Protein backbone atom coordinates (compact mmCIF):
# COMPACT_ATOMS: atom_id res chain seq x y z
CA UNK A 1 0.00 0.00 0.00
CA UNK A 2 1.24 3.48 -0.88
CA UNK A 3 1.82 5.73 2.11
CA UNK A 4 -0.14 8.95 1.97
CA UNK A 5 0.63 12.12 3.87
CA UNK A 6 -1.75 14.85 4.95
CA UNK A 7 -1.09 18.34 3.56
CA UNK A 8 -2.61 21.76 3.96
CA UNK A 9 -2.17 23.83 0.81
CA UNK A 10 -2.83 27.56 0.97
CA UNK A 11 -2.21 30.15 -1.69
CA UNK A 12 -2.23 33.87 -2.40
CA UNK A 13 -2.60 34.49 -6.13
CA UNK A 14 -2.38 38.07 -7.44
CA UNK A 15 -4.52 37.64 -10.57
CA UNK A 16 -8.17 36.51 -10.47
CA UNK A 17 -7.85 34.39 -13.61
CA UNK A 18 -4.80 32.55 -12.24
CA UNK A 19 -6.55 32.21 -8.86
CA UNK A 20 -9.45 30.39 -10.57
CA UNK A 21 -7.01 28.12 -12.43
CA UNK A 22 -5.24 27.24 -9.15
CA UNK A 23 -8.59 26.66 -7.43
CA UNK A 24 -9.77 24.29 -10.18
CA UNK A 25 -6.42 22.47 -10.17
CA UNK A 26 -6.53 22.01 -6.38
CA UNK A 27 -10.05 20.55 -6.47
CA UNK A 28 -8.46 17.55 -8.17
CA UNK A 29 -6.06 17.00 -5.28
CA UNK A 30 -7.95 17.67 -2.09
CA UNK A 31 -10.88 19.01 -0.17
CA UNK A 32 -11.64 22.70 -0.20
CA UNK A 33 -11.70 24.13 3.33
CA UNK A 34 -11.77 27.88 2.82
CA UNK A 35 -11.30 30.47 0.09
CA UNK A 36 -7.65 29.61 -0.68
CA UNK A 37 -7.08 26.60 1.58
CA UNK A 38 -7.23 22.88 0.71
CA UNK A 39 -6.65 19.76 2.78
CA UNK A 40 -5.01 17.02 0.70
CA UNK A 41 -4.22 13.37 1.33
CA UNK A 42 -1.49 12.50 -1.18
CA UNK A 43 1.14 9.94 -2.06
CA UNK A 44 4.65 11.24 -2.76
CA UNK A 45 3.98 10.91 -6.50
CA UNK A 46 0.69 12.88 -6.36
CA UNK A 47 2.29 15.55 -4.16
CA UNK A 48 5.14 16.02 -6.68
CA UNK A 49 2.64 16.11 -9.55
CA UNK A 50 0.55 18.73 -7.75
CA UNK A 51 3.59 20.94 -7.06
CA UNK A 52 4.78 20.66 -10.67
CA UNK A 53 1.34 21.63 -12.00
CA UNK A 54 1.07 24.54 -9.57
CA UNK A 55 4.48 25.82 -10.67
CA UNK A 56 3.21 25.85 -14.26
CA UNK A 57 0.25 28.08 -13.32
CA UNK A 58 1.61 30.57 -10.79
CA UNK A 59 3.86 33.58 -11.41
CA UNK A 60 6.90 33.41 -9.12
CA UNK A 61 7.13 37.16 -8.52
CA UNK A 62 3.45 37.76 -7.76
CA UNK A 63 1.98 34.55 -6.32
CA UNK A 64 2.66 32.44 -3.23
CA UNK A 65 1.74 28.82 -2.44
CA UNK A 66 2.41 27.11 0.90
CA UNK A 67 2.35 23.30 1.20
CA UNK A 68 2.30 22.25 4.86
CA UNK A 69 3.15 18.59 5.52
CA UNK A 70 1.24 17.39 8.60
CA UNK A 71 2.63 13.84 8.51
CA UNK A 72 1.45 10.33 7.66
CA UNK A 73 -2.26 10.53 6.85
CA UNK A 74 -3.17 7.35 8.73
CA UNK A 75 -1.28 8.37 11.87
CA UNK A 76 -1.99 12.07 12.22
CA UNK A 77 -5.16 13.37 13.80
CA UNK A 78 -5.24 17.09 13.10
CA UNK A 79 -6.25 19.06 16.15
CA UNK A 80 -8.16 21.92 14.62
CA UNK A 81 -10.10 24.60 16.39
CA UNK A 82 -12.95 25.59 14.10
CA UNK A 83 -15.06 28.66 14.69
CA UNK A 84 -18.24 28.85 12.67
CA UNK A 85 -18.60 25.94 10.24
CA UNK A 86 -17.52 22.52 11.43
CA UNK A 87 -14.24 20.96 10.27
CA UNK A 88 -13.82 17.39 8.99
CA UNK A 89 -10.50 15.84 8.07
CA UNK A 90 -10.07 14.10 4.73
CA UNK A 91 -10.94 10.41 4.82
CA UNK A 92 -9.36 7.78 2.57
CA UNK A 93 -11.73 6.94 -0.29
CA UNK A 94 -11.39 5.11 -3.57
CA UNK A 95 -11.16 7.30 -6.66
CA UNK A 96 -12.01 5.91 -10.08
CA UNK A 97 -10.18 7.64 -12.91
C-alpha atoms as a PDB file:
ATOM      1  CA  UNK A   1       0.000   0.000   0.000  1.00  0.00           C
ATOM      2  CA  UNK A   2       1.239   3.483  -0.880  1.00  0.00           C
ATOM      3  CA  UNK A   3       1.816   5.728   2.108  1.00  0.00           C
ATOM      4  CA  UNK A   4      -0.137   8.946   1.972  1.00  0.00           C
ATOM      5  CA  UNK A   5       0.630  12.118   3.865  1.00  0.00           C
ATOM      6  CA  UNK A   6      -1.749  14.849   4.953  1.00  0.00           C
ATOM      7  CA  UNK A   7      -1.088  18.336   3.560  1.00  0.00           C
ATOM      8  CA  UNK A   8      -2.605  21.758   3.958  1.00  0.00           C
ATOM      9  CA  UNK A   9      -2.165  23.835   0.811  1.00  0.00           C
ATOM     10  CA  UNK A  10      -2.832  27.557   0.967  1.00  0.00           C
ATOM     11  CA  UNK A  11      -2.209  30.151  -1.688  1.00  0.00           C
ATOM     12  CA  UNK A  12      -2.227  33.869  -2.398  1.00  0.00           C
ATOM     13  CA  UNK A  13      -2.603  34.494  -6.134  1.00  0.00           C
ATOM     14  CA  UNK A  14      -2.383  38.067  -7.435  1.00  0.00           C
ATOM     15  CA  UNK A  15      -4.516  37.640 -10.571  1.00  0.00           C
ATOM     16  CA  UNK A  16      -8.174  36.508 -10.468  1.00  0.00           C
ATOM     17  CA  UNK A  17      -7.846  34.388 -13.610  1.00  0.00           C
ATOM     18  CA  UNK A  18      -4.800  32.553 -12.236  1.00  0.00           C
ATOM     19  CA  UNK A  19      -6.555  32.209  -8.859  1.00  0.00           C
ATOM     20  CA  UNK A  20      -9.447  30.388 -10.575  1.00  0.00           C
ATOM     21  CA  UNK A  21      -7.006  28.121 -12.433  1.00  0.00           C
ATOM     22  CA  UNK A  22      -5.242  27.237  -9.153  1.00  0.00           C
ATOM     23  CA  UNK A  23      -8.587  26.656  -7.427  1.00  0.00           C
ATOM     24  CA  UNK A  24      -9.768  24.286 -10.182  1.00  0.00           C
ATOM     25  CA  UNK A  25      -6.423  22.471 -10.171  1.00  0.00           C
ATOM     26  CA  UNK A  26      -6.527  22.012  -6.376  1.00  0.00           C
ATOM     27  CA  UNK A  27     -10.052  20.548  -6.472  1.00  0.00           C
ATOM     28  CA  UNK A  28      -8.465  17.545  -8.171  1.00  0.00           C
ATOM     29  CA  UNK A  29      -6.057  17.004  -5.283  1.00  0.00           C
ATOM     30  CA  UNK A  30      -7.948  17.667  -2.093  1.00  0.00           C
ATOM     31  CA  UNK A  31     -10.884  19.009  -0.165  1.00  0.00           C
ATOM     32  CA  UNK A  32     -11.643  22.703  -0.200  1.00  0.00           C
ATOM     33  CA  UNK A  33     -11.704  24.131   3.327  1.00  0.00           C
ATOM     34  CA  UNK A  34     -11.771  27.883   2.822  1.00  0.00           C
ATOM     35  CA  UNK A  35     -11.298  30.475   0.085  1.00  0.00           C
ATOM     36  CA  UNK A  36      -7.646  29.615  -0.679  1.00  0.00           C
ATOM     37  CA  UNK A  37      -7.083  26.595   1.577  1.00  0.00           C
ATOM     38  CA  UNK A  38      -7.226  22.879   0.715  1.00  0.00           C
ATOM     39  CA  UNK A  39      -6.649  19.757   2.783  1.00  0.00           C
ATOM     40  CA  UNK A  40      -5.014  17.019   0.700  1.00  0.00           C
ATOM     41  CA  UNK A  41      -4.223  13.372   1.333  1.00  0.00           C
ATOM     42  CA  UNK A  42      -1.492  12.499  -1.182  1.00  0.00           C
ATOM     43  CA  UNK A  43       1.143   9.940  -2.062  1.00  0.00           C
ATOM     44  CA  UNK A  44       4.646  11.242  -2.765  1.00  0.00           C
ATOM     45  CA  UNK A  45       3.977  10.912  -6.500  1.00  0.00           C
ATOM     46  CA  UNK A  46       0.691  12.878  -6.362  1.00  0.00           C
ATOM     47  CA  UNK A  47       2.288  15.551  -4.164  1.00  0.00           C
ATOM     48  CA  UNK A  48       5.138  16.015  -6.675  1.00  0.00           C
ATOM     49  CA  UNK A  49       2.641  16.108  -9.548  1.00  0.00           C
ATOM     50  CA  UNK A  50       0.547  18.731  -7.751  1.00  0.00           C
ATOM     51  CA  UNK A  51       3.592  20.937  -7.055  1.00  0.00           C
ATOM     52  CA  UNK A  52       4.776  20.655 -10.670  1.00  0.00           C
ATOM     53  CA  UNK A  53       1.339  21.631 -12.001  1.00  0.00           C
ATOM     54  CA  UNK A  54       1.070  24.544  -9.567  1.00  0.00           C
ATOM     55  CA  UNK A  55       4.479  25.820 -10.672  1.00  0.00           C
ATOM     56  CA  UNK A  56       3.212  25.851 -14.261  1.00  0.00           C
ATOM     57  CA  UNK A  57       0.248  28.083 -13.321  1.00  0.00           C
ATOM     58  CA  UNK A  58       1.615  30.573 -10.792  1.00  0.00           C
ATOM     59  CA  UNK A  59       3.861  33.576 -11.405  1.00  0.00           C
ATOM     60  CA  UNK A  60       6.901  33.406  -9.123  1.00  0.00           C
ATOM     61  CA  UNK A  61       7.129  37.163  -8.520  1.00  0.00           C
ATOM     62  CA  UNK A  62       3.453  37.758  -7.756  1.00  0.00           C
ATOM     63  CA  UNK A  63       1.984  34.554  -6.319  1.00  0.00           C
ATOM     64  CA  UNK A  64       2.659  32.436  -3.234  1.00  0.00           C
ATOM     65  CA  UNK A  65       1.737  28.822  -2.436  1.00  0.00           C
ATOM     66  CA  UNK A  66       2.414  27.106   0.904  1.00  0.00           C
ATOM     67  CA  UNK A  67       2.345  23.302   1.196  1.00  0.00           C
ATOM     68  CA  UNK A  68       2.296  22.248   4.855  1.00  0.00           C
ATOM     69  CA  UNK A  69       3.149  18.587   5.521  1.00  0.00           C
ATOM     70  CA  UNK A  70       1.237  17.386   8.604  1.00  0.00           C
ATOM     71  CA  UNK A  71       2.630  13.843   8.513  1.00  0.00           C
ATOM     72  CA  UNK A  72       1.447  10.328   7.661  1.00  0.00           C
ATOM     73  CA  UNK A  73      -2.262  10.532   6.848  1.00  0.00           C
ATOM     74  CA  UNK A  74      -3.168   7.354   8.727  1.00  0.00           C
ATOM     75  CA  UNK A  75      -1.280   8.366  11.866  1.00  0.00           C
ATOM     76  CA  UNK A  76      -1.993  12.072  12.222  1.00  0.00           C
ATOM     77  CA  UNK A  77      -5.161  13.365  13.796  1.00  0.00           C
ATOM     78  CA  UNK A  78      -5.244  17.091  13.102  1.00  0.00           C
ATOM     79  CA  UNK A  79      -6.250  19.062  16.148  1.00  0.00           C
ATOM     80  CA  UNK A  80      -8.156  21.924  14.615  1.00  0.00           C
ATOM     81  CA  UNK A  81     -10.102  24.596  16.388  1.00  0.00           C
ATOM     82  CA  UNK A  82     -12.946  25.589  14.097  1.00  0.00           C
ATOM     83  CA  UNK A  83     -15.058  28.662  14.692  1.00  0.00           C
ATOM     84  CA  UNK A  84     -18.241  28.851  12.673  1.00  0.00           C
ATOM     85  CA  UNK A  85     -18.601  25.942  10.241  1.00  0.00           C
ATOM     86  CA  UNK A  86     -17.520  22.521  11.434  1.00  0.00           C
ATOM     87  CA  UNK A  87     -14.245  20.963  10.274  1.00  0.00           C
ATOM     88  CA  UNK A  88     -13.822  17.390   8.994  1.00  0.00           C
ATOM     89  CA  UNK A  89     -10.496  15.837   8.068  1.00  0.00           C
ATOM     90  CA  UNK A  90     -10.068  14.100   4.727  1.00  0.00           C
ATOM     91  CA  UNK A  91     -10.943  10.405   4.818  1.00  0.00           C
ATOM     92  CA  UNK A  92      -9.361   7.784   2.569  1.00  0.00           C
ATOM     93  CA  UNK A  93     -11.725   6.937  -0.295  1.00  0.00           C
ATOM     94  CA  UNK A  94     -11.389   5.114  -3.573  1.00  0.00           C
ATOM     95  CA  UNK A  95     -11.158   7.300  -6.664  1.00  0.00           C
ATOM     96  CA  UNK A  96     -12.008   5.908 -10.079  1.00  0.00           C
ATOM     97  CA  UNK A  97     -10.179   7.639 -12.914  1.00  0.00           C
END
